[in-house]
Amino acid sequence: MASGLPPVRLHDLRHGAATLALAAGADLRVVQGLLGHASIVLTADTYTSVLPQR
């Protein structure tokens, strides 16, 4: 690439946005809806590591 930056896939940006939203305190159901996941279990399983510990 001319910029010298590594290529970034759209999926990487989507994952990054969801991670940042959850880290900032967004509700898991809101992120589920943004991502279009049919099941909150998929969202929770994918992003559990960024959720605040309770």
PDB file of N, CA and C in Angstrom:
ATOM      1  N   MET A   1       0.824  -1.192   0.000  1.00  0.00           N
ATOM      2  CA  MET A   1       0.000   0.000   0.000  1.00  0.00           C
ATOM      3  C   MET A   1       0.864   1.250   0.000  1.00  0.00           C
ATOM      4  N   ALA A   2       0.399   2.274  -0.633  1.00  0.00           N
ATOM      5  CA  ALA A   2       1.147   3.520  -0.715  1.00  0.00           C
ATOM      6  C   ALA A   2       1.306   4.190   0.648  1.00  0.00           C
ATOM      7  N   SER A   3       0.371   3.984   1.560  1.00  0.00           N
ATOM      8  CA  SER A   3       0.427   4.624   2.876  1.00  0.00           C
ATOM      9  C   SER A   3       1.403   3.938   3.822  1.00  0.00           C
ATOM     10  N   GLY A   4       1.788   2.734   3.490  1.00  0.00           N
ATOM     11  CA  GLY A   4       2.667   1.982   4.359  1.00  0.00           C
ATOM     12  C   GLY A   4       1.938   1.280   5.494  1.00  0.00           C
ATOM     13  N   LEU A   5       0.634   1.418   5.537  1.00  0.00           N
ATOM     14  CA  LEU A   5      -0.173   0.773   6.570  1.00  0.00           C
ATOM     15  C   LEU A   5      -0.614  -0.605   6.105  1.00  0.00           C
ATOM     16  N   PRO A   6      -0.792  -1.528   7.026  1.00  0.00           N
ATOM     17  CA  PRO A   6      -1.270  -2.846   6.611  1.00  0.00           C
ATOM     18  C   PRO A   6      -2.723  -2.764   6.155  1.00  0.00           C
ATOM     19  N   PRO A   7      -3.137  -3.681   5.303  1.00  0.00           N
ATOM     20  CA  PRO A   7      -4.531  -3.675   4.862  1.00  0.00           C
ATOM     21  C   PRO A   7      -5.467  -3.989   6.026  1.00  0.00           C
ATOM     22  N   VAL A   8      -6.640  -3.375   6.018  1.00  0.00           N
ATOM     23  CA  VAL A   8      -7.650  -3.609   7.049  1.00  0.00           C
ATOM     24  C   VAL A   8      -8.930  -4.042   6.351  1.00  0.00           C
ATOM     25  N   ARG A   9      -9.467  -5.186   6.780  1.00  0.00           N
ATOM     26  CA  ARG A   9     -10.714  -5.673   6.201  1.00  0.00           C
ATOM     27  C   ARG A   9     -11.886  -4.959   6.854  1.00  0.00           C
ATOM     28  N   LEU A  10     -12.998  -4.849   6.157  1.00  0.00           N
ATOM     29  CA  LEU A  10     -14.195  -4.250   6.732  1.00  0.00           C
ATOM     30  C   LEU A  10     -14.639  -5.007   7.972  1.00  0.00           C
ATOM     31  N   HIS A  11     -14.471  -6.309   7.974  1.00  0.00           N
ATOM     32  CA  HIS A  11     -14.839  -7.116   9.139  1.00  0.00           C
ATOM     33  C   HIS A  11     -14.018  -6.697  10.360  1.00  0.00           C
ATOM     34  N   ASP A  12     -12.746  -6.371  10.156  1.00  0.00           N
ATOM     35  CA  ASP A  12     -11.895  -5.917  11.261  1.00  0.00           C
ATOM     36  C   ASP A  12     -12.434  -4.620  11.851  1.00  0.00           C
ATOM     37  N   LEU A  13     -12.899  -3.719  11.009  1.00  0.00           N
ATOM     38  CA  LEU A  13     -13.461  -2.455  11.485  1.00  0.00           C
ATOM     39  C   LEU A  13     -14.754  -2.694  12.258  1.00  0.00           C
ATOM     40  N   ARG A  14     -15.563  -3.617  11.789  1.00  0.00           N
ATOM     41  CA  ARG A  14     -16.825  -3.959  12.455  1.00  0.00           C
ATOM     42  C   ARG A  14     -16.546  -4.535  13.838  1.00  0.00           C
ATOM     43  N   HIS A  15     -15.590  -5.444  13.908  1.00  0.00           N
ATOM     44  CA  HIS A  15     -15.222  -6.061  15.173  1.00  0.00           C
ATOM     45  C   HIS A  15     -14.643  -5.008  16.123  1.00  0.00           C
ATOM     46  N   GLY A  16     -13.814  -4.137  15.590  1.00  0.00           N
ATOM     47  CA  GLY A  16     -13.231  -3.075  16.410  1.00  0.00           C
ATOM     48  C   GLY A  16     -14.277  -2.133  16.966  1.00  0.00           C
ATOM     49  N   ALA A  17     -15.258  -1.783  16.154  1.00  0.00           N
ATOM     50  CA  ALA A  17     -16.325  -0.880  16.603  1.00  0.00           C
ATOM     51  C   ALA A  17     -17.146  -1.528  17.712  1.00  0.00           C
ATOM     52  N   ALA A  18     -17.458  -2.803  17.572  1.00  0.00           N
ATOM     53  CA  ALA A  18     -18.221  -3.508  18.605  1.00  0.00           C
ATOM     54  C   ALA A  18     -17.415  -3.605  19.896  1.00  0.00           C
ATOM     55  N   THR A  19     -16.136  -3.893  19.792  1.00  0.00           N
ATOM     56  CA  THR A  19     -15.268  -3.984  20.954  1.00  0.00           C
ATOM     57  C   THR A  19     -15.197  -2.648  21.683  1.00  0.00           C
ATOM     58  N   LEU A  20     -15.011  -1.567  20.937  1.00  0.00           N
ATOM     59  CA  LEU A  20     -14.945  -0.238  21.553  1.00  0.00           C
ATOM     60  C   LEU A  20     -16.264   0.141  22.213  1.00  0.00           C
ATOM     61  N   ALA A  21     -17.372  -0.193  21.569  1.00  0.00           N
ATOM     62  CA  ALA A  21     -18.679   0.131  22.142  1.00  0.00           C
ATOM     63  C   ALA A  21     -18.877  -0.581  23.474  1.00  0.00           C
ATOM     64  N   LEU A  22     -18.548  -1.859  23.526  1.00  0.00           N
ATOM     65  CA  LEU A  22     -18.708  -2.616  24.767  1.00  0.00           C
ATOM     66  C   LEU A  22     -17.741  -2.129  25.840  1.00  0.00           C
ATOM     67  N   ALA A  23     -16.518  -1.833  25.448  1.00  0.00           N
ATOM     68  CA  ALA A  23     -15.534  -1.336  26.410  1.00  0.00           C
ATOM     69  C   ALA A  23     -15.964   0.009  26.986  1.00  0.00           C
ATOM     70  N   ALA A  24     -16.725   0.777  26.215  1.00  0.00           N
ATOM     71  CA  ALA A  24     -17.209   2.084  26.670  1.00  0.00           C
ATOM     72  C   ALA A  24     -18.487   1.972  27.485  1.00  0.00           C
ATOM     73  N   GLY A  25     -19.004   0.755  27.623  1.00  0.00           N
ATOM     74  CA  GLY A  25     -20.177   0.554  28.459  1.00  0.00           C
ATOM     75  C   GLY A  25     -21.491   0.374  27.733  1.00  0.00           C
ATOM     76  N   ALA A  26     -21.461   0.209  26.418  1.00  0.00           N
ATOM     77  CA  ALA A  26     -22.700  -0.018  25.672  1.00  0.00           C
ATOM     78  C   ALA A  26     -23.340  -1.329  26.115  1.00  0.00           C
ATOM     79  N   ASP A  27     -24.642  -1.361  26.133  1.00  0.00           N
ATOM     80  CA  ASP A  27     -25.389  -2.561  26.504  1.00  0.00           C
ATOM     81  C   ASP A  27     -25.155  -3.655  25.465  1.00  0.00           C
ATOM     82  N   LEU A  28     -25.001  -4.882  25.935  1.00  0.00           N
ATOM     83  CA  LEU A  28     -24.747  -6.012  25.041  1.00  0.00           C
ATOM     84  C   LEU A  28     -25.860  -6.180  24.014  1.00  0.00           C
ATOM     85  N   ARG A  29     -27.101  -5.942  24.413  1.00  0.00           N
ATOM     86  CA  ARG A  29     -28.227  -6.076  23.461  1.00  0.00           C
ATOM     87  C   ARG A  29     -28.170  -5.004  22.370  1.00  0.00           C
ATOM     88  N   VAL A  30     -27.683  -3.829  22.699  1.00  0.00           N
ATOM     89  CA  VAL A  30     -27.539  -2.776  21.688  1.00  0.00           C
ATOM     90  C   VAL A  30     -26.490  -3.192  20.665  1.00  0.00           C
ATOM     91  N   VAL A  31     -25.372  -3.704  21.141  1.00  0.00           N
ATOM     92  CA  VAL A  31     -24.312  -4.153  20.228  1.00  0.00           C
ATOM     93  C   VAL A  31     -24.796  -5.336  19.402  1.00  0.00           C
ATOM     94  N   GLN A  32     -25.555  -6.235  20.013  1.00  0.00           N
ATOM     95  CA  GLN A  32     -26.136  -7.358  19.269  1.00  0.00           C
ATOM     96  C   GLN A  32     -26.956  -6.836  18.096  1.00  0.00           C
ATOM     97  N   GLY A  33     -27.787  -5.835  18.347  1.00  0.00           N
ATOM     98  CA  GLY A  33     -28.617  -5.273  17.291  1.00  0.00           C
ATOM     99  C   GLY A  33     -27.799  -4.590  16.208  1.00  0.00           C
ATOM    100  N   LEU A  34     -26.768  -3.872  16.610  1.00  0.00           N
ATOM    101  CA  LEU A  34     -25.909  -3.201  15.628  1.00  0.00           C
ATOM    102  C   LEU A  34     -25.218  -4.203  14.709  1.00  0.00           C
ATOM    103  N   LEU A  35     -24.803  -5.310  15.296  1.00  0.00           N
ATOM    104  CA  LEU A  35     -24.095  -6.320  14.513  1.00  0.00           C
ATOM    105  C   LEU A  35     -25.036  -7.223  13.722  1.00  0.00           C
ATOM    106  N   GLY A  36     -26.308  -7.243  14.123  1.00  0.00           N
ATOM    107  CA  GLY A  36     -27.269  -8.092  13.432  1.00  0.00           C
ATOM    108  C   GLY A  36     -27.197  -9.545  13.844  1.00  0.00           C
ATOM    109  N   HIS A  37     -26.639  -9.806  15.031  1.00  0.00           N
ATOM    110  CA  HIS A  37     -26.586 -11.186  15.511  1.00  0.00           C
ATOM    111  C   HIS A  37     -27.986 -11.643  15.906  1.00  0.00           C
ATOM    112  N   ALA A  38     -28.355 -12.833  15.484  1.00  0.00           N
ATOM    113  CA  ALA A  38     -29.674 -13.376  15.814  1.00  0.00           C
ATOM    114  C   ALA A  38     -29.753 -13.773  17.282  1.00  0.00           C
ATOM    115  N   SER A  39     -28.618 -14.123  17.860  1.00  0.00           N
ATOM    116  CA  SER A  39     -28.589 -14.599  19.239  1.00  0.00           C
ATOM    117  C   SER A  39     -27.626 -13.760  20.065  1.00  0.00           C
ATOM    118  N   ILE A  40     -28.061 -13.372  21.255  1.00  0.00           N
ATOM    119  CA  ILE A  40     -27.172 -12.625  22.147  1.00  0.00           C
ATOM    120  C   ILE A  40     -26.026 -13.512  22.621  1.00  0.00           C
ATOM    121  N   VAL A  41     -26.218 -14.822  22.577  1.00  0.00           N
ATOM    122  CA  VAL A  41     -25.165 -15.753  22.977  1.00  0.00           C
ATOM    123  C   VAL A  41     -23.951 -15.603  22.053  1.00  0.00           C
ATOM    124  N   LEU A  42     -24.185 -15.457  20.771  1.00  0.00           N
ATOM    125  CA  LEU A  42     -23.077 -15.260  19.824  1.00  0.00           C
ATOM    126  C   LEU A  42     -22.317 -13.988  20.164  1.00  0.00           C
ATOM    127  N   THR A  43     -23.038 -12.909  20.412  1.00  0.00           N
ATOM    128  CA  THR A  43     -22.402 -11.642  20.750  1.00  0.00           C
ATOM    129  C   THR A  43     -21.618 -11.776  22.048  1.00  0.00           C
ATOM    130  N   ALA A  44     -22.225 -12.356  23.062  1.00  0.00           N
ATOM    131  CA  ALA A  44     -21.572 -12.505  24.361  1.00  0.00           C
ATOM    132  C   ALA A  44     -20.339 -13.404  24.262  1.00  0.00           C
ATOM    133  N   ASP A  45     -20.457 -14.508  23.541  1.00  0.00           N
ATOM    134  CA  ASP A  45     -19.321 -15.423  23.403  1.00  0.00           C
ATOM    135  C   ASP A  45     -18.151 -14.762  22.679  1.00  0.00           C
ATOM    136  N   THR A  46     -18.455 -13.926  21.710  1.00  0.00           N
ATOM    137  CA  THR A  46     -17.413 -13.289  20.916  1.00  0.00           C
ATOM    138  C   THR A  46     -16.734 -12.158  21.684  1.00  0.00           C
ATOM    139  N   TYR A  47     -17.502 -11.429  22.485  1.00  0.00           N
ATOM    140  CA  TYR A  47     -16.976 -10.214  23.098  1.00  0.00           C
ATOM    141  C   TYR A  47     -16.873 -10.272  24.622  1.00  0.00           C
ATOM    142  N   THR A  48     -16.969 -11.461  25.204  1.00  0.00           N
ATOM    143  CA  THR A  48     -16.898 -11.598  26.652  1.00  0.00           C
ATOM    144  C   THR A  48     -15.614 -11.000  27.219  1.00  0.00           C
ATOM    145  N   SER A  49     -14.537 -11.114  26.523  1.00  0.00           N
ATOM    146  CA  SER A  49     -13.248 -10.645  27.048  1.00  0.00           C
ATOM    147  C   SER A  49     -13.198  -9.124  27.220  1.00  0.00           C
ATOM    148  N   VAL A  50     -14.062  -8.377  26.538  1.00  0.00           N
ATOM    149  CA  VAL A  50     -14.030  -6.922  26.673  1.00  0.00           C
ATOM    150  C   VAL A  50     -15.112  -6.394  27.605  1.00  0.00           C
ATOM    151  N   LEU A  51     -15.980  -7.282  28.076  1.00  0.00           N
ATOM    152  CA  LEU A  51     -17.032  -6.849  28.995  1.00  0.00           C
ATOM    153  C   LEU A  51     -16.449  -6.622  30.383  1.00  0.00           C
ATOM    154  N   PRO A  52     -16.931  -5.605  31.083  1.00  0.00           N
ATOM    155  CA  PRO A  52     -16.424  -5.361  32.443  1.00  0.00           C
ATOM    156  C   PRO A  52     -16.727  -6.544  33.349  1.00  0.00           C
ATOM    157  N   GLN A  53     -15.796  -6.846  34.229  1.00  0.00           N
ATOM    158  CA  GLN A  53     -15.995  -7.931  35.189  1.00  0.00           C
ATOM    159  C   GLN A  53     -16.997  -7.491  36.244  1.00  0.00           C
ATOM    160  N   ARG A  54     -17.890  -8.385  36.639  1.00  0.00           N
ATOM    161  CA  ARG A  54     -18.904  -8.046  37.638  1.00  0.00           C
ATOM    162  C   ARG A  54     -18.702  -8.869  38.883  1.00  0.00           C
TER     163      ARG A  54
END
